[in-house]
Amino acid sequence: MRILFLCHRLPYPPKRGGKIRPFNMIRHLSRRHEVTVATVARSAAEVADGQDLRKYCHELHVGQIPTYAGWGRFGLYTATTYPATFGYFYSPALDRTVQTLLATRDFEAIEGGTRVAATIEWTAPVKYVAKLVEFPLRRPLRDSLEVGLAVAKQALESHDTQRD
Protein backbone atom coordinates (compact mmCIF):
# COMPACT_ATOMS: atom_id res chain seq x y z
CA MET A 1 0.00 0.00 0.00
CA ARG A 2 1.20 3.53 -0.77
CA ILE A 3 0.75 5.70 2.32
CA LEU A 4 1.17 9.44 2.73
CA PHE A 5 2.14 10.07 6.35
CA LEU A 6 1.65 13.66 7.54
CA CYS A 7 2.99 14.78 10.90
CA HIS A 8 3.41 18.09 12.69
CA ARG A 9 6.95 17.49 13.91
CA LEU A 10 9.88 15.89 12.13
CA PRO A 11 9.78 12.56 13.98
CA TYR A 12 13.50 11.95 14.02
CA PRO A 13 15.44 11.51 16.16
CA PRO A 14 12.69 9.93 18.27
CA LYS A 15 13.61 11.51 21.61
CA ARG A 16 10.21 12.51 23.04
CA GLY A 17 6.52 11.60 22.77
CA GLY A 18 5.65 13.93 19.91
CA LYS A 19 8.34 12.24 17.83
CA ILE A 20 8.45 8.71 19.24
CA ARG A 21 4.91 7.69 18.32
CA PRO A 22 4.98 8.84 14.66
CA PHE A 23 8.50 7.46 14.20
CA ASN A 24 7.42 4.03 15.42
CA MET A 25 4.35 4.14 13.20
CA ILE A 26 6.49 5.05 10.17
CA ARG A 27 9.04 2.37 11.01
CA HIS A 28 6.33 -0.26 11.42
CA LEU A 29 4.35 0.72 8.31
CA SER A 30 7.46 0.90 6.12
CA ARG A 31 8.16 -2.79 6.71
CA ARG A 32 5.30 -3.73 4.38
CA HIS A 33 4.24 -0.50 2.70
CA GLU A 34 5.66 2.39 0.71
CA VAL A 35 5.52 5.33 3.14
CA THR A 36 6.00 8.92 2.01
CA VAL A 37 6.47 11.30 4.94
CA ALA A 38 5.52 14.99 4.81
CA THR A 39 6.36 16.99 7.91
CA VAL A 40 7.56 20.32 9.25
CA ALA A 41 10.69 21.50 11.04
CA ARG A 42 11.52 24.74 12.83
CA SER A 43 15.19 25.07 11.86
CA ALA A 44 17.86 23.92 9.44
CA ALA A 45 19.48 22.05 12.33
CA GLU A 46 16.26 20.11 12.95
CA VAL A 47 16.08 19.26 9.23
CA ALA A 48 19.69 18.03 9.31
CA ASP A 49 19.08 15.97 12.46
CA GLY A 50 16.04 14.35 10.85
CA GLN A 51 17.66 13.12 7.65
CA ASP A 52 18.18 9.62 9.04
CA LEU A 53 14.40 9.17 8.88
CA ARG A 54 14.98 8.48 5.17
CA LYS A 55 16.13 4.98 6.20
CA TYR A 56 12.55 4.22 7.22
CA CYS A 57 10.50 5.78 4.43
CA HIS A 58 10.24 5.85 0.66
CA GLU A 59 10.40 9.66 0.53
CA LEU A 60 10.80 12.46 3.06
CA HIS A 61 9.44 15.97 2.44
CA VAL A 62 10.13 18.64 5.06
CA GLY A 63 8.66 22.14 5.11
CA GLN A 64 10.73 24.46 7.27
CA ILE A 65 8.71 26.99 9.29
CA PRO A 66 10.67 29.88 10.78
CA THR A 67 9.58 30.65 14.34
CA TYR A 68 8.38 34.16 13.44
CA ALA A 69 6.20 32.77 10.63
CA GLY A 70 4.64 30.12 12.85
CA TRP A 71 3.77 32.62 15.58
CA GLY A 72 2.62 35.20 13.01
CA ARG A 73 0.19 32.72 11.45
CA PHE A 74 -0.85 31.61 14.94
CA GLY A 75 -1.93 35.21 15.62
CA LEU A 76 -3.74 35.53 12.30
CA TYR A 77 -5.63 32.27 12.82
CA THR A 78 -7.10 33.59 16.08
CA ALA A 79 -9.35 35.74 13.89
CA THR A 80 -10.70 32.69 12.02
CA THR A 81 -12.91 29.75 12.92
CA TYR A 82 -9.91 27.40 12.82
CA PRO A 83 -7.75 26.60 15.84
CA ALA A 84 -4.74 28.94 16.06
CA THR A 85 -2.39 25.93 16.15
CA PHE A 86 -3.36 25.28 12.52
CA GLY A 87 -1.59 28.52 11.68
CA TYR A 88 1.39 27.70 13.85
CA PHE A 89 2.01 24.38 12.09
CA TYR A 90 1.13 25.52 8.56
CA SER A 91 3.84 25.50 5.89
CA PRO A 92 2.81 26.94 2.51
CA ALA A 93 5.74 25.10 0.87
CA LEU A 94 4.73 21.78 2.40
CA ASP A 95 1.10 22.41 1.43
CA ARG A 96 2.19 22.85 -2.22
CA THR A 97 4.35 19.72 -1.99
CA VAL A 98 1.48 17.66 -0.60
CA GLN A 99 -0.90 19.00 -3.26
CA THR A 100 1.62 17.94 -5.94
CA LEU A 101 2.10 14.52 -4.35
CA LEU A 102 -1.65 13.94 -4.23
CA ALA A 103 -2.09 15.07 -7.82
CA THR A 104 0.73 12.91 -9.18
CA ARG A 105 0.78 9.82 -6.95
CA ASP A 106 -1.74 7.11 -6.32
CA PHE A 107 -1.83 7.03 -2.52
CA GLU A 108 -4.11 4.42 -1.06
CA ALA A 109 -4.06 5.85 2.45
CA ILE A 110 -3.27 9.00 4.34
CA GLU A 111 -2.25 8.88 7.97
CA GLY A 112 -2.73 12.33 9.29
CA GLY A 113 -4.14 12.65 12.76
CA THR A 114 -1.87 15.58 13.47
CA ARG A 115 -1.88 19.36 13.28
CA VAL A 116 0.04 19.69 10.00
CA ALA A 117 -2.39 17.35 8.30
CA ALA A 118 -5.23 19.46 9.56
CA THR A 119 -3.94 22.49 7.71
CA ILE A 120 -3.67 20.84 4.32
CA GLU A 121 -6.67 20.62 2.02
CA TRP A 122 -6.63 18.01 -0.68
CA THR A 123 -8.92 17.19 -3.54
CA ALA A 124 -7.33 14.01 -4.92
CA PRO A 125 -9.28 10.79 -4.30
CA VAL A 126 -7.82 8.58 -1.58
CA LYS A 127 -9.24 5.20 -0.60
CA TYR A 128 -8.59 5.37 3.14
CA VAL A 129 -8.06 8.43 5.29
CA ALA A 130 -7.06 7.71 8.87
CA LYS A 131 -8.47 9.90 11.62
CA LEU A 132 -10.43 12.05 9.20
CA VAL A 133 -12.38 13.75 11.99
CA GLU A 134 -9.23 15.49 13.21
CA PHE A 135 -9.08 17.56 10.03
CA PRO A 136 -10.83 20.93 9.72
CA LEU A 137 -14.13 20.69 7.96
CA ARG A 138 -13.19 22.76 4.94
CA ARG A 139 -15.43 22.24 1.92
CA PRO A 140 -13.74 19.28 0.15
CA LEU A 141 -13.15 17.55 3.47
CA ARG A 142 -16.59 18.41 4.81
CA ASP A 143 -18.15 16.87 1.70
CA SER A 144 -15.96 13.77 2.06
CA LEU A 145 -16.86 13.46 5.72
CA GLU A 146 -20.58 13.77 4.99
CA VAL A 147 -20.32 11.04 2.34
CA GLY A 148 -18.25 8.88 4.69
CA LEU A 149 -20.75 9.29 7.52
CA ALA A 150 -23.65 8.46 5.19
CA VAL A 151 -21.88 5.29 4.03
CA ALA A 152 -21.08 4.31 7.63
CA LYS A 153 -24.70 4.92 8.69
CA GLN A 154 -25.97 2.84 5.78
CA ALA A 155 -23.57 0.01 6.66
CA LEU A 156 -24.66 0.05 10.31
CA GLU A 157 -28.33 0.07 9.36
CA SER A 158 -27.75 -2.80 6.93
CA HIS A 159 -25.90 -4.74 9.65
CA ASP A 160 -28.73 -4.13 12.15
CA THR A 161 -31.32 -5.27 9.57
CA GLN A 162 -29.38 -8.48 8.91
CA ARG A 163 -29.29 -9.30 12.63
CA ASP A 164 -33.09 -8.93 13.01
C-alpha atoms as a PDB file:
ATOM      1  CA  MET A   1       0.000   0.000   0.000  1.00  0.00           C
ATOM      2  CA  ARG A   2       1.200   3.533  -0.769  1.00  0.00           C
ATOM      3  CA  ILE A   3       0.754   5.705   2.322  1.00  0.00           C
ATOM      4  CA  LEU A   4       1.169   9.441   2.731  1.00  0.00           C
ATOM      5  CA  PHE A   5       2.139  10.068   6.355  1.00  0.00           C
ATOM      6  CA  LEU A   6       1.650  13.662   7.544  1.00  0.00           C
ATOM      7  CA  CYS A   7       2.992  14.782  10.895  1.00  0.00           C
ATOM      8  CA  HIS A   8       3.410  18.094  12.690  1.00  0.00           C
ATOM      9  CA  ARG A   9       6.947  17.494  13.911  1.00  0.00           C
ATOM     10  CA  LEU A  10       9.885  15.891  12.134  1.00  0.00           C
ATOM     11  CA  PRO A  11       9.783  12.557  13.979  1.00  0.00           C
ATOM     12  CA  TYR A  12      13.496  11.953  14.021  1.00  0.00           C
ATOM     13  CA  PRO A  13      15.441  11.511  16.158  1.00  0.00           C
ATOM     14  CA  PRO A  14      12.693   9.935  18.273  1.00  0.00           C
ATOM     15  CA  LYS A  15      13.610  11.508  21.615  1.00  0.00           C
ATOM     16  CA  ARG A  16      10.211  12.507  23.039  1.00  0.00           C
ATOM     17  CA  GLY A  17       6.524  11.599  22.766  1.00  0.00           C
ATOM     18  CA  GLY A  18       5.647  13.931  19.912  1.00  0.00           C
ATOM     19  CA  LYS A  19       8.339  12.239  17.831  1.00  0.00           C
ATOM     20  CA  ILE A  20       8.450   8.706  19.241  1.00  0.00           C
ATOM     21  CA  ARG A  21       4.905   7.693  18.319  1.00  0.00           C
ATOM     22  CA  PRO A  22       4.980   8.838  14.661  1.00  0.00           C
ATOM     23  CA  PHE A  23       8.502   7.462  14.203  1.00  0.00           C
ATOM     24  CA  ASN A  24       7.422   4.034  15.424  1.00  0.00           C
ATOM     25  CA  MET A  25       4.346   4.144  13.197  1.00  0.00           C
ATOM     26  CA  ILE A  26       6.486   5.049  10.167  1.00  0.00           C
ATOM     27  CA  ARG A  27       9.042   2.368  11.014  1.00  0.00           C
ATOM     28  CA  HIS A  28       6.334  -0.264  11.420  1.00  0.00           C
ATOM     29  CA  LEU A  29       4.354   0.723   8.305  1.00  0.00           C
ATOM     30  CA  SER A  30       7.463   0.896   6.123  1.00  0.00           C
ATOM     31  CA  ARG A  31       8.161  -2.786   6.709  1.00  0.00           C
ATOM     32  CA  ARG A  32       5.296  -3.730   4.380  1.00  0.00           C
ATOM     33  CA  HIS A  33       4.237  -0.501   2.705  1.00  0.00           C
ATOM     34  CA  GLU A  34       5.656   2.390   0.714  1.00  0.00           C
ATOM     35  CA  VAL A  35       5.519   5.326   3.137  1.00  0.00           C
ATOM     36  CA  THR A  36       5.997   8.922   2.013  1.00  0.00           C
ATOM     37  CA  VAL A  37       6.468  11.303   4.937  1.00  0.00           C
ATOM     38  CA  ALA A  38       5.521  14.995   4.807  1.00  0.00           C
ATOM     39  CA  THR A  39       6.356  16.991   7.911  1.00  0.00           C
ATOM     40  CA  VAL A  40       7.565  20.316   9.246  1.00  0.00           C
ATOM     41  CA  ALA A  41      10.692  21.498  11.043  1.00  0.00           C
ATOM     42  CA  ARG A  42      11.522  24.742  12.834  1.00  0.00           C
ATOM     43  CA  SER A  43      15.191  25.072  11.859  1.00  0.00           C
ATOM     44  CA  ALA A  44      17.858  23.915   9.438  1.00  0.00           C
ATOM     45  CA  ALA A  45      19.485  22.046  12.331  1.00  0.00           C
ATOM     46  CA  GLU A  46      16.262  20.105  12.950  1.00  0.00           C
ATOM     47  CA  VAL A  47      16.075  19.256   9.233  1.00  0.00           C
ATOM     48  CA  ALA A  48      19.693  18.028   9.306  1.00  0.00           C
ATOM     49  CA  ASP A  49      19.082  15.972  12.462  1.00  0.00           C
ATOM     50  CA  GLY A  50      16.038  14.345  10.852  1.00  0.00           C
ATOM     51  CA  GLN A  51      17.658  13.121   7.652  1.00  0.00           C
ATOM     52  CA  ASP A  52      18.179   9.618   9.038  1.00  0.00           C
ATOM     53  CA  LEU A  53      14.401   9.170   8.884  1.00  0.00           C
ATOM     54  CA  ARG A  54      14.978   8.481   5.174  1.00  0.00           C
ATOM     55  CA  LYS A  55      16.134   4.984   6.201  1.00  0.00           C
ATOM     56  CA  TYR A  56      12.552   4.222   7.216  1.00  0.00           C
ATOM     57  CA  CYS A  57      10.504   5.785   4.426  1.00  0.00           C
ATOM     58  CA  HIS A  58      10.244   5.847   0.665  1.00  0.00           C
ATOM     59  CA  GLU A  59      10.397   9.660   0.528  1.00  0.00           C
ATOM     60  CA  LEU A  60      10.802  12.461   3.059  1.00  0.00           C
ATOM     61  CA  HIS A  61       9.437  15.970   2.444  1.00  0.00           C
ATOM     62  CA  VAL A  62      10.127  18.637   5.065  1.00  0.00           C
ATOM     63  CA  GLY A  63       8.664  22.141   5.114  1.00  0.00           C
ATOM     64  CA  GLN A  64      10.728  24.462   7.271  1.00  0.00           C
ATOM     65  CA  ILE A  65       8.713  26.992   9.286  1.00  0.00           C
ATOM     66  CA  PRO A  66      10.668  29.885  10.777  1.00  0.00           C
ATOM     67  CA  THR A  67       9.577  30.652  14.336  1.00  0.00           C
ATOM     68  CA  TYR A  68       8.382  34.163  13.441  1.00  0.00           C
ATOM     69  CA  ALA A  69       6.199  32.773  10.629  1.00  0.00           C
ATOM     70  CA  GLY A  70       4.636  30.121  12.855  1.00  0.00           C
ATOM     71  CA  TRP A  71       3.774  32.624  15.581  1.00  0.00           C
ATOM     72  CA  GLY A  72       2.620  35.198  13.012  1.00  0.00           C
ATOM     73  CA  ARG A  73       0.191  32.719  11.449  1.00  0.00           C
ATOM     74  CA  PHE A  74      -0.849  31.612  14.943  1.00  0.00           C
ATOM     75  CA  GLY A  75      -1.929  35.207  15.624  1.00  0.00           C
ATOM     76  CA  LEU A  76      -3.737  35.527  12.302  1.00  0.00           C
ATOM     77  CA  TYR A  77      -5.633  32.272  12.823  1.00  0.00           C
ATOM     78  CA  THR A  78      -7.096  33.587  16.084  1.00  0.00           C
ATOM     79  CA  ALA A  79      -9.354  35.743  13.886  1.00  0.00           C
ATOM     80  CA  THR A  80     -10.697  32.691  12.019  1.00  0.00           C
ATOM     81  CA  THR A  81     -12.911  29.754  12.916  1.00  0.00           C
ATOM     82  CA  TYR A  82      -9.909  27.400  12.821  1.00  0.00           C
ATOM     83  CA  PRO A  83      -7.745  26.599  15.840  1.00  0.00           C
ATOM     84  CA  ALA A  84      -4.740  28.936  16.060  1.00  0.00           C
ATOM     85  CA  THR A  85      -2.392  25.930  16.147  1.00  0.00           C
ATOM     86  CA  PHE A  86      -3.356  25.276  12.523  1.00  0.00           C
ATOM     87  CA  GLY A  87      -1.590  28.519  11.681  1.00  0.00           C
ATOM     88  CA  TYR A  88       1.386  27.700  13.855  1.00  0.00           C
ATOM     89  CA  PHE A  89       2.012  24.377  12.094  1.00  0.00           C
ATOM     90  CA  TYR A  90       1.132  25.518   8.562  1.00  0.00           C
ATOM     91  CA  SER A  91       3.836  25.504   5.894  1.00  0.00           C
ATOM     92  CA  PRO A  92       2.812  26.938   2.507  1.00  0.00           C
ATOM     93  CA  ALA A  93       5.739  25.103   0.868  1.00  0.00           C
ATOM     94  CA  LEU A  94       4.727  21.779   2.401  1.00  0.00           C
ATOM     95  CA  ASP A  95       1.097  22.405   1.429  1.00  0.00           C
ATOM     96  CA  ARG A  96       2.192  22.845  -2.216  1.00  0.00           C
ATOM     97  CA  THR A  97       4.348  19.721  -1.989  1.00  0.00           C
ATOM     98  CA  VAL A  98       1.477  17.663  -0.597  1.00  0.00           C
ATOM     99  CA  GLN A  99      -0.901  18.997  -3.263  1.00  0.00           C
ATOM    100  CA  THR A 100       1.619  17.943  -5.940  1.00  0.00           C
ATOM    101  CA  LEU A 101       2.101  14.524  -4.351  1.00  0.00           C
ATOM    102  CA  LEU A 102      -1.652  13.945  -4.229  1.00  0.00           C
ATOM    103  CA  ALA A 103      -2.091  15.072  -7.822  1.00  0.00           C
ATOM    104  CA  THR A 104       0.727  12.909  -9.177  1.00  0.00           C
ATOM    105  CA  ARG A 105       0.780   9.819  -6.947  1.00  0.00           C
ATOM    106  CA  ASP A 106      -1.739   7.111  -6.321  1.00  0.00           C
ATOM    107  CA  PHE A 107      -1.834   7.033  -2.522  1.00  0.00           C
ATOM    108  CA  GLU A 108      -4.107   4.424  -1.061  1.00  0.00           C
ATOM    109  CA  ALA A 109      -4.061   5.845   2.446  1.00  0.00           C
ATOM    110  CA  ILE A 110      -3.268   9.003   4.337  1.00  0.00           C
ATOM    111  CA  GLU A 111      -2.255   8.876   7.966  1.00  0.00           C
ATOM    112  CA  GLY A 112      -2.734  12.328   9.288  1.00  0.00           C
ATOM    113  CA  GLY A 113      -4.141  12.648  12.759  1.00  0.00           C
ATOM    114  CA  THR A 114      -1.865  15.577  13.467  1.00  0.00           C
ATOM    115  CA  ARG A 115      -1.878  19.359  13.276  1.00  0.00           C
ATOM    116  CA  VAL A 116       0.035  19.694  10.005  1.00  0.00           C
ATOM    117  CA  ALA A 117      -2.386  17.353   8.304  1.00  0.00           C
ATOM    118  CA  ALA A 118      -5.234  19.458   9.565  1.00  0.00           C
ATOM    119  CA  THR A 119      -3.942  22.491   7.710  1.00  0.00           C
ATOM    120  CA  ILE A 120      -3.669  20.837   4.322  1.00  0.00           C
ATOM    121  CA  GLU A 121      -6.674  20.616   2.016  1.00  0.00           C
ATOM    122  CA  TRP A 122      -6.626  18.009  -0.683  1.00  0.00           C
ATOM    123  CA  THR A 123      -8.916  17.190  -3.537  1.00  0.00           C
ATOM    124  CA  ALA A 124      -7.335  14.014  -4.918  1.00  0.00           C
ATOM    125  CA  PRO A 125      -9.276  10.787  -4.296  1.00  0.00           C
ATOM    126  CA  VAL A 126      -7.819   8.582  -1.576  1.00  0.00           C
ATOM    127  CA  LYS A 127      -9.237   5.202  -0.596  1.00  0.00           C
ATOM    128  CA  TYR A 128      -8.590   5.375   3.144  1.00  0.00           C
ATOM    129  CA  VAL A 129      -8.055   8.425   5.295  1.00  0.00           C
ATOM    130  CA  ALA A 130      -7.055   7.713   8.870  1.00  0.00           C
ATOM    131  CA  LYS A 131      -8.470   9.900  11.624  1.00  0.00           C
ATOM    132  CA  LEU A 132     -10.428  12.052   9.203  1.00  0.00           C
ATOM    133  CA  VAL A 133     -12.376  13.752  11.987  1.00  0.00           C
ATOM    134  CA  GLU A 134      -9.227  15.486  13.209  1.00  0.00           C
ATOM    135  CA  PHE A 135      -9.079  17.565  10.031  1.00  0.00           C
ATOM    136  CA  PRO A 136     -10.833  20.925   9.719  1.00  0.00           C
ATOM    137  CA  LEU A 137     -14.126  20.688   7.957  1.00  0.00           C
ATOM    138  CA  ARG A 138     -13.192  22.759   4.937  1.00  0.00           C
ATOM    139  CA  ARG A 139     -15.432  22.240   1.922  1.00  0.00           C
ATOM    140  CA  PRO A 140     -13.742  19.280   0.154  1.00  0.00           C
ATOM    141  CA  LEU A 141     -13.146  17.551   3.466  1.00  0.00           C
ATOM    142  CA  ARG A 142     -16.587  18.406   4.813  1.00  0.00           C
ATOM    143  CA  ASP A 143     -18.146  16.873   1.696  1.00  0.00           C
ATOM    144  CA  SER A 144     -15.964  13.767   2.062  1.00  0.00           C
ATOM    145  CA  LEU A 145     -16.864  13.462   5.723  1.00  0.00           C
ATOM    146  CA  GLU A 146     -20.576  13.767   4.995  1.00  0.00           C
ATOM    147  CA  VAL A 147     -20.320  11.045   2.344  1.00  0.00           C
ATOM    148  CA  GLY A 148     -18.252   8.875   4.693  1.00  0.00           C
ATOM    149  CA  LEU A 149     -20.751   9.287   7.522  1.00  0.00           C
ATOM    150  CA  ALA A 150     -23.647   8.460   5.192  1.00  0.00           C
ATOM    151  CA  VAL A 151     -21.876   5.291   4.031  1.00  0.00           C
ATOM    152  CA  ALA A 152     -21.083   4.306   7.626  1.00  0.00           C
ATOM    153  CA  LYS A 153     -24.695   4.919   8.695  1.00  0.00           C
ATOM    154  CA  GLN A 154     -25.970   2.836   5.783  1.00  0.00           C
ATOM    155  CA  ALA A 155     -23.570   0.006   6.655  1.00  0.00           C
ATOM    156  CA  LEU A 156     -24.661   0.054  10.310  1.00  0.00           C
ATOM    157  CA  GLU A 157     -28.332   0.072   9.359  1.00  0.00           C
ATOM    158  CA  SER A 158     -27.746  -2.804   6.929  1.00  0.00           C
ATOM    159  CA  HIS A 159     -25.902  -4.741   9.653  1.00  0.00           C
ATOM    160  CA  ASP A 160     -28.731  -4.126  12.149  1.00  0.00           C
ATOM    161  CA  THR A 161     -31.318  -5.274   9.574  1.00  0.00           C
ATOM    162  CA  GLN A 162     -29.375  -8.482   8.910  1.00  0.00           C
ATOM    163  CA  ARG A 163     -29.292  -9.300  12.634  1.00  0.00           C
ATOM    164  CA  ASP A 164     -33.089  -8.926  13.015  1.00  0.00           C
END
